[in-house]
Amino acid sequence: MSVPLKPVADYIVAAVEEAATKTASGLYLPSASQEKPKVANVLAVGPAVQSVKKGDKIVYKSYSQTEIKVDGKEYLLVQEQDVLATVEA
Protein backbone atom coordinates (compact mmCIF):
# COMPACT_ATOMS: atom_id res chain seq x y z
CA MET A 1 0.00 0.00 0.00
CA SER A 2 1.48 3.31 -1.07
CA VAL A 3 1.07 6.17 1.39
CA PRO A 4 0.66 9.64 -0.16
CA LEU A 5 2.21 11.28 2.91
CA LYS A 6 5.93 11.34 3.73
CA PRO A 7 6.47 12.15 7.42
CA VAL A 8 9.29 14.46 8.49
CA ALA A 9 11.36 14.57 11.69
CA ASP A 10 9.79 12.39 14.42
CA TYR A 11 6.32 12.06 12.91
CA ILE A 12 4.52 8.80 12.18
CA VAL A 13 1.79 8.27 9.57
CA ALA A 14 -0.74 5.69 10.72
CA ALA A 15 -4.22 4.36 9.95
CA VAL A 16 -6.73 3.91 12.78
CA GLU A 17 -8.11 0.44 13.38
CA GLU A 18 -11.86 0.07 12.94
CA ALA A 19 -13.99 0.23 16.08
CA ALA A 20 -15.49 -3.03 17.27
CA THR A 21 -19.09 -3.42 16.14
CA LYS A 22 -19.92 -6.31 18.43
CA THR A 23 -18.92 -7.50 21.87
CA ALA A 24 -17.07 -10.71 22.70
CA SER A 25 -20.42 -12.28 23.66
CA GLY A 26 -21.89 -11.45 20.22
CA LEU A 27 -24.00 -8.38 21.01
CA TYR A 28 -23.96 -5.66 18.34
CA LEU A 29 -23.04 -2.17 19.49
CA PRO A 30 -24.85 0.90 18.17
CA SER A 31 -22.50 3.43 16.59
CA ALA A 32 -23.15 5.96 19.36
CA SER A 33 -21.77 3.61 22.03
CA GLN A 34 -18.71 2.46 20.10
CA GLU A 35 -15.52 3.71 21.66
CA LYS A 36 -13.07 5.33 19.27
CA PRO A 37 -9.97 3.13 19.25
CA LYS A 38 -6.59 4.52 20.24
CA VAL A 39 -4.72 1.84 18.28
CA ALA A 40 -3.34 2.45 14.80
CA ASN A 41 -1.25 0.65 12.20
CA VAL A 42 2.00 2.41 11.27
CA LEU A 43 2.23 3.09 7.53
CA ALA A 44 5.34 5.32 7.39
CA VAL A 45 7.85 6.85 9.80
CA GLY A 46 9.98 9.99 9.68
CA PRO A 47 13.78 9.84 9.63
CA ALA A 48 14.16 10.72 13.33
CA VAL A 49 11.83 7.98 14.61
CA GLN A 50 13.78 5.30 16.49
CA SER A 51 11.38 3.14 18.50
CA VAL A 52 8.63 2.42 15.94
CA LYS A 53 8.82 0.92 12.47
CA LYS A 54 6.48 0.49 9.52
CA GLY A 55 3.99 -2.31 10.15
CA ASP A 56 3.85 -1.88 13.96
CA LYS A 57 0.60 -1.35 15.84
CA ILE A 58 0.78 1.58 18.24
CA VAL A 59 -1.26 2.94 21.13
CA TYR A 60 -1.25 6.75 21.11
CA LYS A 61 -2.34 9.56 23.43
CA SER A 62 -5.84 10.95 23.06
CA TYR A 63 -6.05 14.38 21.45
CA SER A 64 -2.37 14.37 20.46
CA GLN A 65 -2.75 13.38 16.83
CA THR A 66 -3.58 15.25 13.65
CA GLU A 67 -6.23 13.64 11.45
CA ILE A 68 -6.01 14.22 7.71
CA LYS A 69 -7.94 12.89 4.74
CA VAL A 70 -6.11 12.33 1.43
CA ASP A 71 -7.79 10.83 -1.64
CA GLY A 72 -10.78 9.74 0.49
CA LYS A 73 -8.67 7.84 3.06
CA GLU A 74 -8.11 8.97 6.63
CA TYR A 75 -4.63 9.07 8.13
CA LEU A 76 -3.16 10.10 11.47
CA LEU A 77 0.01 12.07 12.06
CA VAL A 78 1.43 11.29 15.49
CA GLN A 79 4.71 12.42 17.03
CA GLU A 80 6.93 9.65 18.39
CA GLN A 81 6.73 11.18 21.90
CA ASP A 82 2.94 10.66 21.85
CA VAL A 83 3.21 6.91 21.24
CA LEU A 84 2.51 5.12 24.50
CA ALA A 85 3.21 1.53 23.46
CA THR A 86 3.41 -0.94 20.61
CA VAL A 87 0.99 -3.86 20.45
CA GLU A 88 2.55 -7.28 20.07
CA ALA A 89 0.57 -9.92 18.20
C-alpha atoms as a PDB file:
ATOM      1  CA  MET A   1       0.000   0.000   0.000  1.00  0.00           C
ATOM      2  CA  SER A   2       1.476   3.306  -1.066  1.00  0.00           C
ATOM      3  CA  VAL A   3       1.070   6.172   1.388  1.00  0.00           C
ATOM      4  CA  PRO A   4       0.659   9.639  -0.165  1.00  0.00           C
ATOM      5  CA  LEU A   5       2.208  11.284   2.914  1.00  0.00           C
ATOM      6  CA  LYS A   6       5.926  11.335   3.733  1.00  0.00           C
ATOM      7  CA  PRO A   7       6.474  12.151   7.418  1.00  0.00           C
ATOM      8  CA  VAL A   8       9.294  14.464   8.493  1.00  0.00           C
ATOM      9  CA  ALA A   9      11.362  14.574  11.692  1.00  0.00           C
ATOM     10  CA  ASP A  10       9.793  12.391  14.420  1.00  0.00           C
ATOM     11  CA  TYR A  11       6.321  12.063  12.914  1.00  0.00           C
ATOM     12  CA  ILE A  12       4.524   8.805  12.176  1.00  0.00           C
ATOM     13  CA  VAL A  13       1.789   8.266   9.573  1.00  0.00           C
ATOM     14  CA  ALA A  14      -0.744   5.685  10.722  1.00  0.00           C
ATOM     15  CA  ALA A  15      -4.215   4.357   9.947  1.00  0.00           C
ATOM     16  CA  VAL A  16      -6.730   3.911  12.778  1.00  0.00           C
ATOM     17  CA  GLU A  17      -8.109   0.436  13.376  1.00  0.00           C
ATOM     18  CA  GLU A  18     -11.855   0.072  12.938  1.00  0.00           C
ATOM     19  CA  ALA A  19     -13.995   0.231  16.083  1.00  0.00           C
ATOM     20  CA  ALA A  20     -15.495  -3.028  17.271  1.00  0.00           C
ATOM     21  CA  THR A  21     -19.091  -3.418  16.141  1.00  0.00           C
ATOM     22  CA  LYS A  22     -19.917  -6.309  18.432  1.00  0.00           C
ATOM     23  CA  THR A  23     -18.920  -7.504  21.867  1.00  0.00           C
ATOM     24  CA  ALA A  24     -17.074 -10.712  22.702  1.00  0.00           C
ATOM     25  CA  SER A  25     -20.419 -12.282  23.656  1.00  0.00           C
ATOM     26  CA  GLY A  26     -21.889 -11.449  20.222  1.00  0.00           C
ATOM     27  CA  LEU A  27     -23.998  -8.376  21.006  1.00  0.00           C
ATOM     28  CA  TYR A  28     -23.964  -5.663  18.335  1.00  0.00           C
ATOM     29  CA  LEU A  29     -23.036  -2.166  19.491  1.00  0.00           C
ATOM     30  CA  PRO A  30     -24.853   0.902  18.167  1.00  0.00           C
ATOM     31  CA  SER A  31     -22.497   3.434  16.588  1.00  0.00           C
ATOM     32  CA  ALA A  32     -23.152   5.963  19.362  1.00  0.00           C
ATOM     33  CA  SER A  33     -21.771   3.614  22.026  1.00  0.00           C
ATOM     34  CA  GLN A  34     -18.712   2.465  20.099  1.00  0.00           C
ATOM     35  CA  GLU A  35     -15.517   3.710  21.662  1.00  0.00           C
ATOM     36  CA  LYS A  36     -13.073   5.331  19.274  1.00  0.00           C
ATOM     37  CA  PRO A  37      -9.967   3.130  19.252  1.00  0.00           C
ATOM     38  CA  LYS A  38      -6.590   4.517  20.244  1.00  0.00           C
ATOM     39  CA  VAL A  39      -4.724   1.840  18.283  1.00  0.00           C
ATOM     40  CA  ALA A  40      -3.343   2.446  14.801  1.00  0.00           C
ATOM     41  CA  ASN A  41      -1.246   0.651  12.201  1.00  0.00           C
ATOM     42  CA  VAL A  42       2.000   2.412  11.265  1.00  0.00           C
ATOM     43  CA  LEU A  43       2.232   3.094   7.529  1.00  0.00           C
ATOM     44  CA  ALA A  44       5.337   5.324   7.392  1.00  0.00           C
ATOM     45  CA  VAL A  45       7.851   6.855   9.800  1.00  0.00           C
ATOM     46  CA  GLY A  46       9.978   9.990   9.680  1.00  0.00           C
ATOM     47  CA  PRO A  47      13.783   9.844   9.629  1.00  0.00           C
ATOM     48  CA  ALA A  48      14.163  10.725  13.333  1.00  0.00           C
ATOM     49  CA  VAL A  49      11.835   7.977  14.611  1.00  0.00           C
ATOM     50  CA  GLN A  50      13.781   5.302  16.489  1.00  0.00           C
ATOM     51  CA  SER A  51      11.381   3.139  18.500  1.00  0.00           C
ATOM     52  CA  VAL A  52       8.634   2.420  15.941  1.00  0.00           C
ATOM     53  CA  LYS A  53       8.821   0.925  12.470  1.00  0.00           C
ATOM     54  CA  LYS A  54       6.482   0.495   9.519  1.00  0.00           C
ATOM     55  CA  GLY A  55       3.993  -2.314  10.155  1.00  0.00           C
ATOM     56  CA  ASP A  56       3.854  -1.885  13.957  1.00  0.00           C
ATOM     57  CA  LYS A  57       0.599  -1.351  15.842  1.00  0.00           C
ATOM     58  CA  ILE A  58       0.783   1.575  18.238  1.00  0.00           C
ATOM     59  CA  VAL A  59      -1.256   2.943  21.128  1.00  0.00           C
ATOM     60  CA  TYR A  60      -1.246   6.746  21.110  1.00  0.00           C
ATOM     61  CA  LYS A  61      -2.341   9.556  23.430  1.00  0.00           C
ATOM     62  CA  SER A  62      -5.844  10.951  23.064  1.00  0.00           C
ATOM     63  CA  TYR A  63      -6.052  14.384  21.447  1.00  0.00           C
ATOM     64  CA  SER A  64      -2.369  14.366  20.461  1.00  0.00           C
ATOM     65  CA  GLN A  65      -2.746  13.377  16.825  1.00  0.00           C
ATOM     66  CA  THR A  66      -3.584  15.254  13.651  1.00  0.00           C
ATOM     67  CA  GLU A  67      -6.228  13.644  11.451  1.00  0.00           C
ATOM     68  CA  ILE A  68      -6.014  14.216   7.707  1.00  0.00           C
ATOM     69  CA  LYS A  69      -7.945  12.890   4.742  1.00  0.00           C
ATOM     70  CA  VAL A  70      -6.106  12.329   1.434  1.00  0.00           C
ATOM     71  CA  ASP A  71      -7.794  10.826  -1.639  1.00  0.00           C
ATOM     72  CA  GLY A  72     -10.775   9.744   0.487  1.00  0.00           C
ATOM     73  CA  LYS A  73      -8.673   7.835   3.057  1.00  0.00           C
ATOM     74  CA  GLU A  74      -8.107   8.971   6.631  1.00  0.00           C
ATOM     75  CA  TYR A  75      -4.630   9.069   8.131  1.00  0.00           C
ATOM     76  CA  LEU A  76      -3.158  10.096  11.474  1.00  0.00           C
ATOM     77  CA  LEU A  77       0.009  12.069  12.056  1.00  0.00           C
ATOM     78  CA  VAL A  78       1.428  11.286  15.495  1.00  0.00           C
ATOM     79  CA  GLN A  79       4.712  12.416  17.029  1.00  0.00           C
ATOM     80  CA  GLU A  80       6.929   9.654  18.393  1.00  0.00           C
ATOM     81  CA  GLN A  81       6.729  11.178  21.901  1.00  0.00           C
ATOM     82  CA  ASP A  82       2.938  10.664  21.847  1.00  0.00           C
ATOM     83  CA  VAL A  83       3.211   6.914  21.243  1.00  0.00           C
ATOM     84  CA  LEU A  84       2.511   5.122  24.504  1.00  0.00           C
ATOM     85  CA  ALA A  85       3.207   1.527  23.457  1.00  0.00           C
ATOM     86  CA  THR A  86       3.410  -0.943  20.613  1.00  0.00           C
ATOM     87  CA  VAL A  87       0.992  -3.858  20.447  1.00  0.00           C
ATOM     88  CA  GLU A  88       2.554  -7.280  20.073  1.00  0.00           C
ATOM     89  CA  ALA A  89       0.573  -9.918  18.197  1.00  0.00           C
END
